[in-house]
N, C-alpha and C. Protein backbone atom coordinates (compact mmCIF):
# COMPACT_ATOMS: atom_id res chain seq x y z
N UNK A 1 -21.48 -4.81 -1.42
CA UNK A 1 -22.58 -5.55 -1.23
C UNK A 1 -22.26 -6.16 0.47
N UNK A 2 -20.97 -6.81 0.79
CA UNK A 2 -20.53 -7.34 1.35
C UNK A 2 -20.54 -6.36 2.57
N UNK A 3 -19.80 -5.49 1.98
CA UNK A 3 -19.52 -4.37 3.36
C UNK A 3 -20.82 -3.69 3.70
N UNK A 4 -22.18 -4.00 3.37
CA UNK A 4 -23.38 -3.05 4.06
C UNK A 4 -24.56 -4.49 3.73
N UNK A 5 -24.44 -5.32 4.82
CA UNK A 5 -25.66 -6.35 4.78
C UNK A 5 -26.27 -5.84 4.94
N UNK A 6 -27.51 -6.21 4.26
CA UNK A 6 -29.07 -5.73 5.28
C UNK A 6 -29.15 -4.80 4.09
N UNK A 7 -28.64 -4.24 3.38
CA UNK A 7 -28.87 -3.17 2.69
C UNK A 7 -29.33 -3.50 1.11
N UNK A 8 -30.53 -3.44 0.30
CA UNK A 8 -30.94 -3.38 -0.35
C UNK A 8 -30.56 -2.11 -1.38
N UNK A 9 -29.68 -2.42 -2.83
CA UNK A 9 -29.11 -1.51 -3.44
C UNK A 9 -29.79 -0.84 -4.33
N UNK A 10 -31.25 -1.51 -4.36
CA UNK A 10 -32.18 -0.89 -5.68
C UNK A 10 -32.90 -0.09 -4.48
N UNK A 11 -33.09 0.11 -3.32
CA UNK A 11 -33.80 0.92 -2.63
C UNK A 11 -33.10 1.67 -1.59
N UNK A 12 -32.16 2.63 -2.31
CA UNK A 12 -31.08 3.59 -1.24
C UNK A 12 -32.04 4.64 -0.69
N UNK A 13 -31.81 5.31 0.65
CA UNK A 13 -33.08 6.32 0.67
C UNK A 13 -31.46 7.63 0.78
N UNK A 14 -32.09 8.82 0.85
CA UNK A 14 -31.47 10.15 0.65
C UNK A 14 -31.20 9.98 2.16
N UNK A 15 -29.64 10.48 2.49
CA UNK A 15 -29.41 10.94 3.85
C UNK A 15 -28.97 9.43 4.18
N UNK A 16 -29.30 7.73 3.89
CA UNK A 16 -28.82 6.90 4.33
C UNK A 16 -27.53 6.59 4.34
N UNK A 17 -26.85 5.99 5.25
CA UNK A 17 -25.57 5.76 5.47
C UNK A 17 -25.33 4.45 5.05
N UNK A 18 -24.14 4.01 4.27
CA UNK A 18 -23.70 2.97 3.65
C UNK A 18 -21.75 3.05 3.58
N UNK A 19 -21.25 1.97 3.77
CA UNK A 19 -19.78 1.64 3.77
C UNK A 19 -19.53 1.02 2.42
N UNK A 20 -18.29 1.98 2.11
CA UNK A 20 -17.62 2.19 0.94
C UNK A 20 -16.33 1.63 1.30
N UNK A 21 -15.85 0.48 1.01
CA UNK A 21 -14.88 0.03 1.16
C UNK A 21 -13.65 0.56 0.67
N UNK A 22 -12.53 0.68 1.07
CA UNK A 22 -11.17 0.94 0.64
C UNK A 22 -10.61 0.02 -0.43
N UNK A 23 -10.45 0.09 -1.53
CA UNK A 23 -9.63 -0.49 -2.17
C UNK A 23 -7.82 -0.53 -2.05
N UNK A 24 -7.28 -1.73 -1.81
CA UNK A 24 -6.20 -1.63 -1.27
C UNK A 24 -5.28 -2.01 -2.22
N UNK A 25 -4.32 -1.53 -2.67
CA UNK A 25 -3.60 -1.92 -4.19
C UNK A 25 -2.69 -3.69 -3.57
N UNK A 26 -2.80 -4.18 -4.88
CA UNK A 26 -2.23 -6.02 -4.92
C UNK A 26 -0.66 -5.66 -4.21
N UNK A 27 -0.69 -6.55 -3.55
CA UNK A 27 0.68 -6.79 -3.47
C UNK A 27 2.04 -6.87 -4.12
N UNK A 28 2.74 -6.25 -4.60
CA UNK A 28 4.18 -6.58 -5.59
C UNK A 28 4.85 -7.86 -5.07
N UNK A 29 5.06 -8.24 -6.11
CA UNK A 29 6.10 -9.75 -5.97
C UNK A 29 7.83 -9.13 -5.46
N UNK A 30 7.86 -9.58 -4.65
CA UNK A 30 9.07 -8.92 -3.61
C UNK A 30 10.33 -10.11 -4.00
N UNK A 31 10.92 -10.73 -5.02
CA UNK A 31 11.75 -11.54 -5.14
C UNK A 31 13.20 -11.14 -4.41
N UNK A 32 13.45 -9.92 -4.36
CA UNK A 32 15.00 -9.26 -4.03
C UNK A 32 14.79 -8.36 -3.03
N UNK A 33 14.08 -8.63 -1.75
CA UNK A 33 13.34 -7.87 -0.89
C UNK A 33 12.64 -8.59 0.30
N UNK A 34 12.11 -7.98 0.87
CA UNK A 34 11.02 -8.05 2.03
C UNK A 34 9.50 -7.44 1.65
N UNK A 35 8.69 -7.66 2.26
CA UNK A 35 7.80 -7.21 2.34
C UNK A 35 7.12 -6.32 3.52
N UNK A 36 6.39 -5.27 3.63
CA UNK A 36 6.56 -4.37 4.45
C UNK A 36 4.89 -3.49 4.60
N UNK A 37 4.52 -3.72 5.64
CA UNK A 37 2.78 -3.43 5.81
C UNK A 37 2.83 -1.98 6.45
N UNK A 38 2.40 -0.90 5.87
CA UNK A 38 2.22 0.53 5.84
C UNK A 38 1.05 0.85 7.33
N UNK A 39 1.61 1.44 7.99
CA UNK A 39 1.39 1.83 9.82
C UNK A 39 1.17 2.98 9.14
N UNK A 40 -0.13 3.67 10.11
CA UNK A 40 -0.38 4.88 10.22
C UNK A 40 0.89 6.12 10.22
N UNK A 41 0.92 7.15 9.54
CA UNK A 41 2.07 7.96 10.23
C UNK A 41 3.11 7.76 8.36
N UNK A 42 3.03 6.65 8.16
CA UNK A 42 4.35 6.23 7.34
C UNK A 42 4.17 7.24 6.01
N UNK A 43 5.69 7.33 5.82
CA UNK A 43 5.43 8.11 4.26
C UNK A 43 6.73 7.28 3.67
N UNK A 44 6.85 6.84 2.35
CA UNK A 44 7.97 6.63 1.86
C UNK A 44 9.51 7.10 1.84
N UNK A 45 9.61 8.41 2.89
CA UNK A 45 10.97 8.64 3.13
C UNK A 45 10.83 7.88 4.77
N UNK A 46 10.06 8.22 5.30
CA UNK A 46 9.94 7.32 6.81
C UNK A 46 10.52 6.32 6.64
N UNK A 47 9.71 5.13 5.60
CA UNK A 47 10.28 3.78 5.30
C UNK A 47 11.41 3.69 5.10
N UNK A 48 11.76 4.45 3.90
CA UNK A 48 13.20 4.15 3.44
C UNK A 48 14.28 4.76 4.39
N UNK A 49 13.77 5.13 5.48
CA UNK A 49 14.67 6.29 6.33
C UNK A 49 15.31 4.91 7.19
N UNK A 50 13.93 4.00 7.65
CA UNK A 50 14.15 2.91 8.39
C UNK A 50 15.13 1.75 8.13
N UNK A 51 14.61 1.54 6.55
CA UNK A 51 15.07 0.12 6.18
C UNK A 51 16.38 0.64 5.44
N UNK A 52 17.04 2.08 5.39
CA UNK A 52 18.15 2.17 5.49
C UNK A 52 18.18 2.16 3.18
N UNK A 53 16.96 2.73 2.84
CA UNK A 53 17.28 2.22 1.12
C UNK A 53 16.51 3.79 1.21
N UNK A 54 16.76 3.74 -0.47
CA UNK A 54 16.24 5.32 -0.72
C UNK A 54 15.03 4.78 -1.14
N UNK A 55 14.39 6.01 -1.59
CA UNK A 55 13.22 6.21 -1.69
C UNK A 55 12.42 5.89 -3.18
N UNK A 56 13.69 6.24 -3.95
CA UNK A 56 13.90 5.99 -5.47
C UNK A 56 14.06 4.54 -6.10
N UNK A 57 14.88 4.13 -4.86
CA UNK A 57 14.41 2.21 -4.93
C UNK A 57 13.31 1.48 -4.24
N UNK A 58 12.48 2.14 -3.45
CA UNK A 58 11.12 1.46 -2.96
C UNK A 58 10.27 1.94 -4.56
N UNK A 59 10.25 2.98 -4.99
CA UNK A 59 9.16 3.13 -6.16
C UNK A 59 9.36 2.60 -7.21
N UNK A 60 11.35 2.21 -7.60
CA UNK A 60 11.54 0.82 -8.67
C UNK A 60 10.98 -0.24 -8.17
N UNK A 61 10.98 -0.86 -6.81
CA UNK A 61 10.71 -2.09 -6.44
C UNK A 61 8.98 -1.98 -6.26
N UNK A 62 8.36 -1.20 -6.79
CA UNK A 62 6.85 -1.18 -6.48
C UNK A 62 6.02 -0.44 -7.80
N UNK A 63 5.91 -1.08 -9.12
CA UNK A 63 5.39 -0.10 -10.15
C UNK A 63 4.03 0.07 -9.80
N UNK A 64 4.21 1.45 -9.99
CA UNK A 64 2.54 1.82 -9.84
C UNK A 64 2.61 2.33 -8.69
N UNK A 65 2.87 2.34 -7.68
CA UNK A 65 3.33 3.14 -6.04
C UNK A 65 2.61 4.39 -6.59
N UNK A 66 1.84 5.13 -5.83
CA UNK A 66 1.87 6.51 -5.10
C UNK A 66 2.83 7.19 -4.42
N UNK A 67 3.36 7.90 -4.65
CA UNK A 67 4.29 7.76 -3.13
C UNK A 67 3.44 8.85 -2.10
N UNK A 68 2.76 9.90 -2.48
CA UNK A 68 1.78 10.68 -2.28
C UNK A 68 1.08 10.40 -1.52
N UNK A 69 0.33 8.78 -1.77
CA UNK A 69 -1.16 8.34 -1.52
C UNK A 69 -0.94 7.24 -0.77
N UNK A 70 0.13 6.71 0.12
CA UNK A 70 0.55 5.40 0.33
C UNK A 70 -1.59 4.94 1.28
N UNK A 71 -1.12 4.08 1.50
CA UNK A 71 -2.48 3.79 2.35
C UNK A 71 -2.63 2.75 3.74
N UNK A 72 -2.76 3.12 4.55
CA UNK A 72 -2.77 2.09 6.04
C UNK A 72 -3.24 0.55 5.56
N UNK A 73 -1.84 -0.34 5.70
CA UNK A 73 -2.59 -1.91 5.20
C UNK A 73 -2.04 -2.18 4.27
N UNK A 74 -1.06 -0.79 3.20
CA UNK A 74 -1.18 -0.82 1.83
C UNK A 74 0.05 -2.27 2.23
N UNK A 75 0.35 -3.38 1.61
CA UNK A 75 2.10 -4.15 1.19
C UNK A 75 2.55 -3.31 0.35
N UNK A 76 3.89 -3.35 0.71
CA UNK A 76 5.13 -2.58 -0.18
C UNK A 76 6.07 -3.61 -0.28
N UNK A 77 6.94 -3.57 -1.44
CA UNK A 77 8.36 -4.29 -1.15
C UNK A 77 9.89 -3.29 -0.95
N UNK A 78 10.22 -3.61 0.39
CA UNK A 78 11.17 -3.08 0.04
C UNK A 78 12.50 -3.70 -0.05
N UNK A 79 13.29 -3.41 -1.08
CA UNK A 79 14.18 -3.98 -1.77
C UNK A 79 15.72 -3.99 -0.64
N UNK A 80 16.06 -5.19 -0.95
CA UNK A 80 17.81 -4.70 -0.01
C UNK A 80 18.32 -4.44 -0.68
N UNK A 81 19.42 -3.65 0.35
CA UNK A 81 20.39 -2.92 -0.10
C UNK A 81 21.65 -4.29 -1.05
N UNK A 82 22.38 -3.59 -1.96
CA UNK A 82 23.25 -3.79 -2.20
C UNK A 82 24.57 -3.26 -1.92
N UNK A 83 25.85 -4.62 -1.42
CA UNK A 83 26.86 -4.08 -0.83
C UNK A 83 27.64 -4.80 -1.95
N UNK A 84 27.53 -5.36 -2.73
CA UNK A 84 28.57 -5.55 -3.98
C UNK A 84 27.67 -5.56 -5.25
N UNK A 85 28.18 -5.38 -6.46
CA UNK A 85 27.75 -5.37 -7.81
C UNK A 85 26.13 -6.77 -7.40
N UNK A 86 24.81 -5.58 -7.67
CA UNK A 86 23.58 -6.69 -7.80
C UNK A 86 23.05 -6.99 -9.49
N UNK A 87 23.53 -7.85 -9.55
CA UNK A 87 22.95 -8.34 -10.79
C UNK A 87 21.17 -8.85 -11.45
């Protein structure tokens, strides 16, 4: 309703244009890393390369993430690399 002010949902017309907002997945908790906002052109592979982590590490830090359906504006957790034993 907020995306279509002035439109009565009970009186939609054939051919009428309405806005359907995209849902952005909730922000994951990120205690051992930092948050990153996905921008146009990003893939998990390109993000992993940029921050020198593995794609699998990003997937593990973001339960439920679909690696093939990143959305612009989606906030994901980028885990910090461990150079010693991480507990």
